[in-house]
Protein backbone atom coordinates (compact mmCIF):
# COMPACT_ATOMS: atom_id res chain seq x y z
CA MET A 1 -133.75 -54.18 13.99
CA THR A 2 -132.77 -49.94 13.76
CA VAL A 3 -129.03 -48.11 14.99
CA ILE A 4 -129.12 -44.48 14.72
CA THR A 5 -126.03 -42.55 15.54
CA VAL A 6 -125.50 -39.01 16.63
CA ASN A 7 -122.78 -36.91 16.08
CA GLY A 8 -122.07 -33.67 16.65
CA HIS A 9 -120.35 -29.96 18.42
CA ILE A 10 -120.15 -30.24 21.79
CA GLY A 11 -123.07 -27.89 23.19
CA CYS A 12 -125.06 -28.78 20.78
CA GLY A 13 -126.64 -31.51 23.73
CA ALA A 14 -125.98 -34.95 21.78
CA PRO A 15 -125.74 -37.13 24.97
CA GLU A 16 -128.87 -36.06 26.06
CA ILE A 17 -131.01 -36.52 22.89
CA GLY A 18 -129.05 -39.34 22.74
CA ALA A 19 -129.90 -41.04 26.08
CA GLU A 20 -134.01 -39.26 25.34
CA VAL A 21 -134.24 -41.39 22.11
CA ALA A 22 -132.94 -44.16 23.27
CA ARG A 23 -134.42 -44.22 26.76
CA VAL A 24 -138.14 -43.62 24.74
CA LEU A 25 -137.74 -46.92 21.99
CA ASP A 26 -136.38 -49.18 24.60
CA ILE A 27 -133.15 -49.01 23.53
CA ASP A 28 -129.55 -49.31 24.23
CA TYR A 29 -127.59 -46.45 24.22
CA VAL A 30 -123.39 -46.27 23.72
CA ASP A 31 -120.90 -43.31 24.24
CA ARG A 32 -117.70 -43.81 25.27
CA LEU A 33 -117.76 -43.67 28.14
CA ILE A 34 -119.59 -46.47 28.60
CA ILE A 35 -117.40 -48.24 26.02
CA ALA A 36 -114.57 -47.62 28.11
CA GLU A 37 -116.35 -48.88 31.51
CA ALA A 38 -116.99 -52.41 28.91
CA ALA A 39 -113.09 -52.40 27.92
CA ASN A 40 -112.84 -52.41 32.03
CA ARG A 41 -114.86 -55.37 31.95
CA LEU A 42 -113.14 -57.27 30.06
CA GLY A 43 -110.80 -58.97 32.46
CA ALA A 44 -113.94 -60.34 34.93
CA THR A 45 -112.88 -63.87 36.75
CA GLU A 46 -114.83 -66.84 35.33
CA ASP A 47 -117.37 -66.90 37.84
CA ALA A 48 -118.32 -63.04 37.79
CA VAL A 49 -119.27 -63.95 34.21
CA ALA A 50 -121.13 -67.28 35.12
CA GLU A 51 -123.04 -65.20 37.49
CA ARG A 52 -124.19 -62.48 34.98
CA GLU A 53 -125.63 -65.31 32.65
CA ARG A 54 -128.25 -66.55 35.91
CA ARG A 55 -129.49 -62.61 35.47
CA THR A 56 -130.00 -59.79 33.08
CA LEU A 57 -127.08 -58.60 31.40
CA SER A 58 -126.50 -54.81 32.50
CA ARG A 59 -126.56 -52.48 28.82
CA VAL A 60 -122.28 -51.95 29.59
CA ASP A 61 -122.41 -56.53 30.69
CA ARG A 62 -123.70 -56.71 26.97
CA ILE A 63 -121.49 -54.20 25.30
CA ALA A 64 -118.29 -56.13 27.13
CA ARG A 65 -119.76 -59.16 24.76
CA PHE A 66 -119.88 -57.42 22.40
CA LEU A 67 -116.46 -55.76 22.28
CA GLN A 68 -114.99 -59.51 23.16
CA THR A 69 -116.67 -61.02 20.74
CA ALA A 70 -114.69 -58.05 18.12
CA LEU A 71 -111.61 -58.60 19.97
CA GLU A 72 -111.30 -62.06 19.09
CA ARG A 73 -112.81 -61.82 15.62
CA SER A 74 -110.17 -59.86 14.79
CA ALA A 75 -107.34 -62.11 16.48
CA ALA A 76 -109.00 -64.86 14.58
CA ALA A 77 -108.33 -62.47 11.51
CA GLY A 78 -105.58 -61.76 12.35
CA THR A 79 -106.02 -57.97 11.64
CA GLY A 80 -105.26 -56.93 14.39
CA GLY A 81 -102.89 -59.44 15.87
CA ASP A 82 -102.43 -57.98 19.88
CA PRO A 83 -106.37 -59.50 20.80
CA TYR A 84 -105.85 -56.05 23.43
CA PHE A 85 -106.89 -57.15 26.36
CA GLY A 86 -105.04 -55.44 29.11
CA PRO A 87 -105.71 -53.27 31.61
CA GLY A 88 -104.96 -50.08 29.65
CA LEU A 89 -107.69 -50.87 26.60
CA GLY A 90 -110.43 -49.48 28.90
CA THR A 91 -108.60 -46.26 29.02
CA MET A 92 -107.08 -46.20 25.39
CA LEU A 93 -110.85 -46.30 24.16
CA GLY A 94 -112.80 -43.71 26.52
CA ARG A 95 -110.35 -40.74 24.84
CA GLU A 96 -111.52 -37.65 23.94
CA TYR A 97 -111.77 -36.21 20.40
CA LEU A 98 -108.68 -33.98 21.85
CA GLU A 99 -106.92 -36.52 23.24
CA VAL A 100 -107.24 -38.92 20.40
CA THR A 101 -106.08 -36.48 17.42
CA ARG A 102 -102.75 -34.78 19.02
CA GLU A 103 -99.96 -36.07 17.05
CA PRO A 104 -97.87 -38.78 17.03
CA ILE A 105 -94.34 -38.41 18.59
CA THR A 106 -93.58 -42.56 18.40
CA ARG A 107 -93.66 -45.29 16.48
CA ALA A 108 -95.65 -46.62 19.63
CA ASP A 109 -98.00 -43.81 19.72
CA GLU A 110 -98.83 -44.49 15.23
CA LEU A 111 -99.29 -48.38 16.56
CA ASP A 112 -101.84 -46.35 19.30
CA ASP A 113 -103.80 -44.62 17.29
CA GLU A 114 -104.06 -47.75 15.25
CA LYS A 115 -104.85 -49.62 17.48
CA PHE A 116 -107.47 -47.07 18.67
CA ILE A 117 -109.47 -46.93 15.81
CA GLU A 118 -109.42 -51.05 14.71
CA VAL A 119 -111.15 -51.41 18.52
CA THR A 120 -113.08 -48.71 18.21
CA MET A 121 -114.69 -49.56 14.80
CA ALA A 122 -114.82 -53.50 15.52
CA VAL A 123 -116.51 -52.75 18.52
CA ILE A 124 -119.15 -50.59 17.17
CA GLN A 125 -120.09 -52.86 13.92
CA GLU A 126 -120.14 -55.47 16.67
CA ILE A 127 -122.94 -53.40 18.74
CA ALA A 128 -124.78 -52.18 15.36
CA GLN A 129 -124.74 -56.19 14.36
CA SER A 130 -126.28 -57.48 17.26
CA GLY A 131 -129.71 -55.02 17.34
CA ASN A 132 -131.33 -51.74 18.16
CA ALA A 133 -129.00 -48.93 19.06
CA VAL A 134 -128.70 -45.59 20.11
CA ILE A 135 -124.46 -44.71 19.07
CA LEU A 136 -123.37 -40.68 20.10
CA GLY A 137 -120.03 -40.38 18.12
CA ARG A 138 -116.87 -41.84 17.45
CA ALA A 139 -117.73 -41.17 13.60
CA SER A 140 -120.04 -43.90 13.83
CA ASN A 141 -121.83 -43.02 11.02
CA ILE A 142 -118.90 -43.41 8.84
CA ILE A 143 -117.80 -46.66 9.95
CA LEU A 144 -122.01 -47.86 10.15
CA LYS A 145 -122.36 -46.06 6.92
CA ASP A 146 -123.55 -49.22 4.83
CA LEU A 147 -125.59 -50.67 7.18
CA PRO A 148 -129.07 -51.35 6.77
CA ASN A 149 -132.06 -49.82 8.69
CA SER A 150 -130.10 -46.89 10.13
CA ILE A 151 -130.47 -43.56 10.94
CA HIS A 152 -127.03 -41.32 10.39
CA VAL A 153 -127.94 -37.70 12.58
CA ASN A 154 -125.99 -34.59 13.36
CA LEU A 155 -126.39 -31.84 16.00
CA VAL A 156 -124.97 -28.09 15.04
CA ALA A 157 -125.05 -24.99 16.59
CA THR A 158 -123.24 -21.56 16.63
CA VAL A 159 -120.07 -21.21 18.55
CA GLU A 160 -122.26 -18.35 19.77
CA HIS A 161 -124.85 -21.14 21.30
CA ARG A 162 -122.79 -23.48 22.71
CA VAL A 163 -120.61 -21.65 24.56
CA PRO A 164 -122.25 -20.66 27.96
CA ILE A 165 -124.07 -23.61 27.23
CA VAL A 166 -120.61 -25.33 28.34
CA ALA A 167 -120.08 -22.24 30.64
CA ALA A 168 -122.57 -23.98 32.97
CA SER A 169 -122.26 -27.69 32.55
CA GLU A 170 -118.42 -27.79 33.45
CA ASP A 171 -118.48 -25.05 36.06
CA ILE A 172 -116.34 -22.47 34.23
CA SER A 173 -116.00 -19.50 32.39
CA GLU A 174 -117.40 -18.34 29.23
CA GLU A 175 -113.84 -17.17 28.55
CA GLU A 176 -112.81 -20.62 29.20
CA ALA A 177 -115.45 -22.40 27.46
CA ALA A 178 -115.11 -20.29 23.94
CA GLU A 179 -111.54 -21.93 24.05
CA ARG A 180 -112.40 -25.47 24.50
CA VAL A 181 -115.46 -25.75 22.15
CA THR A 182 -112.82 -24.02 19.98
CA ARG A 183 -110.38 -26.75 20.49
CA TRP A 184 -112.93 -29.49 20.59
CA ASP A 185 -114.46 -28.82 17.31
CA ALA A 186 -110.90 -28.11 16.52
CA ALA A 187 -109.82 -32.17 17.18
CA ARG A 188 -113.49 -33.37 16.25
CA ASP A 189 -113.00 -32.20 12.40
CA ASP A 190 -109.16 -33.73 12.68
CA TYR A 191 -110.23 -36.80 14.34
CA PHE A 192 -112.67 -37.30 10.48
CA ARG A 193 -109.79 -35.92 8.46
CA LYS A 194 -107.21 -38.14 10.13
CA PHE A 195 -109.02 -42.11 10.18
CA PHE A 196 -111.52 -41.41 7.95
CA LYS A 197 -110.43 -38.60 4.91
CA VAL A 198 -114.08 -37.01 5.46
CA ASN A 199 -115.17 -33.43 7.09
CA ALA A 200 -116.75 -34.22 9.88
CA ASP A 201 -119.89 -31.41 9.34
CA ASP A 202 -120.61 -32.41 4.99
CA PRO A 203 -124.64 -33.53 5.05
CA LEU A 204 -123.87 -35.84 2.68
CA HIS A 205 -122.89 -38.44 5.58
CA TYR A 206 -126.57 -37.60 7.37
CA ASP A 207 -129.93 -38.17 6.93
CA MET A 208 -129.78 -35.32 8.87
CA VAL A 209 -128.87 -32.29 10.10
CA LEU A 210 -130.48 -31.27 12.53
CA SER A 211 -130.08 -27.03 14.06
CA THR A 212 -130.23 -27.16 18.62
CA GLU A 213 -129.97 -24.15 18.22
CA ARG A 214 -133.69 -22.94 16.13
CA ILE A 215 -135.43 -26.00 17.32
CA GLY A 216 -134.52 -27.30 20.97
CA HIS A 217 -133.28 -30.84 21.85
CA ASP A 218 -136.92 -31.92 23.07
CA MET A 219 -138.41 -31.59 19.18
CA ALA A 220 -135.30 -33.14 18.23
CA SER A 221 -135.15 -35.74 19.99
CA GLY A 222 -139.29 -36.01 18.68
CA ILE A 223 -138.03 -35.13 14.87
CA ILE A 224 -135.02 -38.43 15.54
CA ILE A 225 -137.58 -40.79 18.13
CA SER A 226 -140.67 -39.99 14.97
CA SER A 227 -138.06 -41.61 12.04
CA VAL A 228 -136.96 -44.32 13.10
CA GLN A 229 -141.06 -45.33 14.22
CA ALA A 230 -142.41 -44.72 10.69
């Protein structure tokens, strides 16, 4: 069993590299949007669940099962009280760093933050314990730092390299992209500090730090794949 966590700055190619590594190794690829989609399936009827049992489960279905198991364990242990089954769970888990790191204004906001990080940690740990996967972002390297047979990767590149990439991918001007990169980088740093009290780019929290600006996506993917196969 191998779990690979891939974190990195916006514009470094983490989603593309993570997905390619998962494809070549034939393992699950998990990001915030997939977790959110899985959370939205928790309200499925018993008939729908039974139907899925009669065929091969999709990746999202399997993650939904992992998420449900994680939440049930959390509720049974009394760590959260509220098992979090609700229509807003997918929206909550799918938030970007920019949304997660906003300062809470009320006690309800603080409780939302506590719920968000508790559920995020629970589902990432459950996925990691259940089999081979590439897990993108969410400080997954910190959450799984003690997991045996795990490889933690950080992808980096200069702002100057990333701005035109973000501009092209999001169809915005380079001025808008530069602002987005600055805000996103700050929000990512805040996320790691707020919830885990660590520096997001501290190399001691990773097994490898790869500059996609210098080596490109293909070589970065190849290095990660070779490390797993070795």
